[in-house]
PDB file of N, CA and C in Angstrom:
ATOM      1  N   VAL A   1     -15.756  -4.692  -7.324  1.00  0.00           N
ATOM      2  CA  VAL A   1     -15.757  -6.014  -6.722  1.00  0.00           C
ATOM      3  C   VAL A   1     -14.818  -5.987  -5.532  1.00  0.00           C
ATOM      4  N   ALA A   2     -15.302  -6.413  -4.424  1.00  0.00           N
ATOM      5  CA  ALA A   2     -14.496  -6.450  -3.204  1.00  0.00           C
ATOM      6  C   ALA A   2     -13.637  -7.704  -3.176  1.00  0.00           C
ATOM      7  N   THR A   3     -12.482  -7.581  -2.589  1.00  0.00           N
ATOM      8  CA  THR A   3     -11.576  -8.714  -2.420  1.00  0.00           C
ATOM      9  C   THR A   3     -11.023  -8.695  -1.001  1.00  0.00           C
ATOM     10  N   ARG A   4     -10.634  -9.837  -0.517  1.00  0.00           N
ATOM     11  CA  ARG A   4     -10.077  -9.914   0.837  1.00  0.00           C
ATOM     12  C   ARG A   4      -8.663  -9.355   0.857  1.00  0.00           C
ATOM     13  N   VAL A   5      -8.326  -8.704   1.947  1.00  0.00           N
ATOM     14  CA  VAL A   5      -6.965  -8.218   2.154  1.00  0.00           C
ATOM     15  C   VAL A   5      -6.168  -9.351   2.787  1.00  0.00           C
ATOM     16  N   LEU A   6      -5.076  -9.752   2.121  1.00  0.00           N
ATOM     17  CA  LEU A   6      -4.250 -10.842   2.623  1.00  0.00           C
ATOM     18  C   LEU A   6      -2.938 -10.364   3.227  1.00  0.00           C
ATOM     19  N   SER A   7      -2.522  -9.149   2.885  1.00  0.00           N
ATOM     20  CA  SER A   7      -1.282  -8.622   3.453  1.00  0.00           C
ATOM     21  C   SER A   7      -1.408  -7.119   3.649  1.00  0.00           C
ATOM     22  N   PHE A   8      -0.600  -6.614   4.565  1.00  0.00           N
ATOM     23  CA  PHE A   8      -0.656  -5.205   4.925  1.00  0.00           C
ATOM     24  C   PHE A   8       0.719  -4.800   5.425  1.00  0.00           C
ATOM     25  N   ASP A   9       1.177  -3.607   5.056  1.00  0.00           N
ATOM     26  CA  ASP A   9       2.471  -3.134   5.544  1.00  0.00           C
ATOM     27  C   ASP A   9       2.446  -1.620   5.669  1.00  0.00           C
ATOM     28  N   VAL A  10       3.263  -1.118   6.579  1.00  0.00           N
ATOM     29  CA  VAL A  10       3.396   0.316   6.828  1.00  0.00           C
ATOM     30  C   VAL A  10       4.830   0.710   6.489  1.00  0.00           C
ATOM     31  N   SER A  11       4.993   1.851   5.830  1.00  0.00           N
ATOM     32  CA  SER A  11       6.335   2.317   5.473  1.00  0.00           C
ATOM     33  C   SER A  11       7.109   2.711   6.731  1.00  0.00           C
ATOM     34  N   PRO A  12       8.441   2.761   6.642  1.00  0.00           N
ATOM     35  CA  PRO A  12       9.250   3.163   7.797  1.00  0.00           C
ATOM     36  C   PRO A  12       8.913   4.561   8.315  1.00  0.00           C
ATOM     37  N   THR A  13       8.425   5.433   7.445  1.00  0.00           N
ATOM     38  CA  THR A  13       8.070   6.792   7.868  1.00  0.00           C
ATOM     39  C   THR A  13       6.646   6.880   8.404  1.00  0.00           C
ATOM     40  N   SER A  14       5.889   5.798   8.290  1.00  0.00           N
ATOM     41  CA  SER A  14       4.480   5.730   8.712  1.00  0.00           C
ATOM     42  C   SER A  14       3.574   6.647   7.902  1.00  0.00           C
ATOM     43  N   LYS A  15       4.016   7.081   6.733  1.00  0.00           N
ATOM     44  CA  LYS A  15       3.199   7.945   5.884  1.00  0.00           C
ATOM     45  C   LYS A  15       2.504   7.185   4.769  1.00  0.00           C
ATOM     46  N   CYS A  16       2.921   5.949   4.516  1.00  0.00           N
ATOM     47  CA  CYS A  16       2.354   5.173   3.416  1.00  0.00           C
ATOM     48  C   CYS A  16       1.933   3.791   3.901  1.00  0.00           C
ATOM     49  N   LEU A  17       0.838   3.307   3.333  1.00  0.00           N
ATOM     50  CA  LEU A  17       0.319   1.981   3.646  1.00  0.00           C
ATOM     51  C   LEU A  17       0.193   1.189   2.361  1.00  0.00           C
ATOM     52  N   GLY A  18       0.385  -0.102   2.459  1.00  0.00           N
ATOM     53  CA  GLY A  18       0.211  -0.978   1.312  1.00  0.00           C
ATOM     54  C   GLY A  18      -0.653  -2.160   1.688  1.00  0.00           C
ATOM     55  N   PHE A  19      -1.613  -2.490   0.836  1.00  0.00           N
ATOM     56  CA  PHE A  19      -2.515  -3.611   1.067  1.00  0.00           C
ATOM     57  C   PHE A  19      -2.441  -4.559  -0.122  1.00  0.00           C
ATOM     58  N   GLY A  20      -2.318  -5.840   0.136  1.00  0.00           N
ATOM     59  CA  GLY A  20      -2.312  -6.847  -0.922  1.00  0.00           C
ATOM     60  C   GLY A  20      -3.621  -7.606  -0.899  1.00  0.00           C
ATOM     61  N   GLY A  21      -4.306  -7.681  -2.036  1.00  0.00           N
ATOM     62  CA  GLY A  21      -5.606  -8.333  -2.118  1.00  0.00           C
ATOM     63  C   GLY A  21      -5.519  -9.763  -2.614  1.00  0.00           C
ATOM     64  N   ALA A  22      -6.567 -10.528  -2.360  1.00  0.00           N
ATOM     65  CA  ALA A  22      -6.637 -11.928  -2.762  1.00  0.00           C
ATOM     66  C   ALA A  22      -6.632 -12.082  -4.278  1.00  0.00           C
ATOM     67  N   ALA A  23      -7.054 -11.066  -5.006  1.00  0.00           N
ATOM     68  CA  ALA A  23      -7.095 -11.126  -6.468  1.00  0.00           C
ATOM     69  C   ALA A  23      -5.744 -10.781  -7.092  1.00  0.00           C
ATOM     70  N   GLY A  24      -4.718 -10.516  -6.262  1.00  0.00           N
ATOM     71  CA  GLY A  24      -3.399 -10.181  -6.769  1.00  0.00           C
ATOM     72  C   GLY A  24      -3.157  -8.697  -6.938  1.00  0.00           C
ATOM     73  N   SER A  25      -4.080  -7.877  -6.486  1.00  0.00           N
ATOM     74  CA  SER A  25      -3.922  -6.429  -6.623  1.00  0.00           C
ATOM     75  C   SER A  25      -3.188  -5.852  -5.418  1.00  0.00           C
ATOM     76  N   ILE A  26      -2.549  -4.711  -5.637  1.00  0.00           N
ATOM     77  CA  ILE A  26      -1.868  -3.987  -4.571  1.00  0.00           C
ATOM     78  C   ILE A  26      -2.455  -2.589  -4.516  1.00  0.00           C
ATOM     79  N   HIS A  27      -2.842  -2.162  -3.334  1.00  0.00           N
ATOM     80  CA  HIS A  27      -3.406  -0.831  -3.136  1.00  0.00           C
ATOM     81  C   HIS A  27      -2.439  -0.040  -2.267  1.00  0.00           C
ATOM     82  N   LEU A  28      -2.028   1.128  -2.739  1.00  0.00           N
ATOM     83  CA  LEU A  28      -1.107   1.989  -2.016  1.00  0.00           C
ATOM     84  C   LEU A  28      -1.848   3.233  -1.572  1.00  0.00           C
ATOM     85  N   MET A  29      -1.638   3.628  -0.323  1.00  0.00           N
ATOM     86  CA  MET A  29      -2.291   4.807   0.220  1.00  0.00           C
ATOM     87  C   MET A  29      -1.250   5.649   0.945  1.00  0.00           C
ATOM     88  N   ALA A  30      -1.429   6.960   0.921  1.00  0.00           N
ATOM     89  CA  ALA A  30      -0.511   7.868   1.605  1.00  0.00           C
ATOM     90  C   ALA A  30      -1.309   8.959   2.298  1.00  0.00           C
ATOM     91  N   THR A  31      -0.757   9.462   3.383  1.00  0.00           N
ATOM     92  CA  THR A  31      -1.387  10.548   4.107  1.00  0.00           C
ATOM     93  C   THR A  31      -0.331  11.580   4.485  1.00  0.00           C
ATOM     94  N   ASN A  32      -0.711  12.830   4.475  1.00  0.00           N
ATOM     95  CA  ASN A  32       0.194  13.930   4.821  1.00  0.00           C
ATOM     96  C   ASN A  32       1.479  13.898   4.001  1.00  0.00           C
ATOM     97  N   ALA A  33       1.392  13.409   2.788  1.00  0.00           N
ATOM     98  CA  ALA A  33       2.548  13.375   1.888  1.00  0.00           C
ATOM     99  C   ALA A  33       2.086  13.884   0.525  1.00  0.00           C
ATOM    100  N   PRO A  34       2.421  15.132   0.172  1.00  0.00           N
ATOM    101  CA  PRO A  34       1.928  15.691  -1.087  1.00  0.00           C
ATOM    102  C   PRO A  34       2.432  14.949  -2.322  1.00  0.00           C
ATOM    103  N   ASP A  35       3.607  14.344  -2.239  1.00  0.00           N
ATOM    104  CA  ASP A  35       4.174  13.623  -3.381  1.00  0.00           C
ATOM    105  C   ASP A  35       4.821  12.324  -2.890  1.00  0.00           C
ATOM    106  N   PRO A  36       4.007  11.341  -2.498  1.00  0.00           N
ATOM    107  CA  PRO A  36       4.589  10.099  -1.964  1.00  0.00           C
ATOM    108  C   PRO A  36       5.359   9.345  -3.041  1.00  0.00           C
ATOM    109  N   GLN A  37       6.411   8.658  -2.630  1.00  0.00           N
ATOM    110  CA  GLN A  37       7.211   7.870  -3.558  1.00  0.00           C
ATOM    111  C   GLN A  37       7.157   6.412  -3.130  1.00  0.00           C
ATOM    112  N   PHE A  38       6.850   5.539  -4.080  1.00  0.00           N
ATOM    113  CA  PHE A  38       6.786   4.112  -3.826  1.00  0.00           C
ATOM    114  C   PHE A  38       7.837   3.419  -4.677  1.00  0.00           C
ATOM    115  N   ASN A  39       8.546   2.474  -4.095  1.00  0.00           N
ATOM    116  CA  ASN A  39       9.551   1.702  -4.814  1.00  0.00           C
ATOM    117  C   ASN A  39       8.874   0.465  -5.381  1.00  0.00           C
ATOM    118  N   THR A  40       8.735   0.403  -6.691  1.00  0.00           N
ATOM    119  CA  THR A  40       8.036  -0.721  -7.321  1.00  0.00           C
ATOM    120  C   THR A  40       8.883  -1.979  -7.379  1.00  0.00           C
ATOM    121  N   PHE A  41      10.143  -1.896  -7.010  1.00  0.00           N
ATOM    122  CA  PHE A  41      11.041  -3.048  -7.103  1.00  0.00           C
ATOM    123  C   PHE A  41      11.304  -3.730  -5.770  1.00  0.00           C
ATOM    124  N   SER A  42      10.703  -3.255  -4.682  1.00  0.00           N
ATOM    125  CA  SER A  42      10.973  -3.897  -3.392  1.00  0.00           C
ATOM    126  C   SER A  42       9.790  -4.698  -2.915  1.00  0.00           C
TER     127      SER A  42
END
């Protein structure tokens, strides 16, 4: 089921992207980072 993207952010290193959906979901994506780390508390 597709949902609208309501928010978007880029990490300070520009290696990770975060998308917030209208259904309350968060999608995290990384490129050129074999072991990306995401802070779940920020």
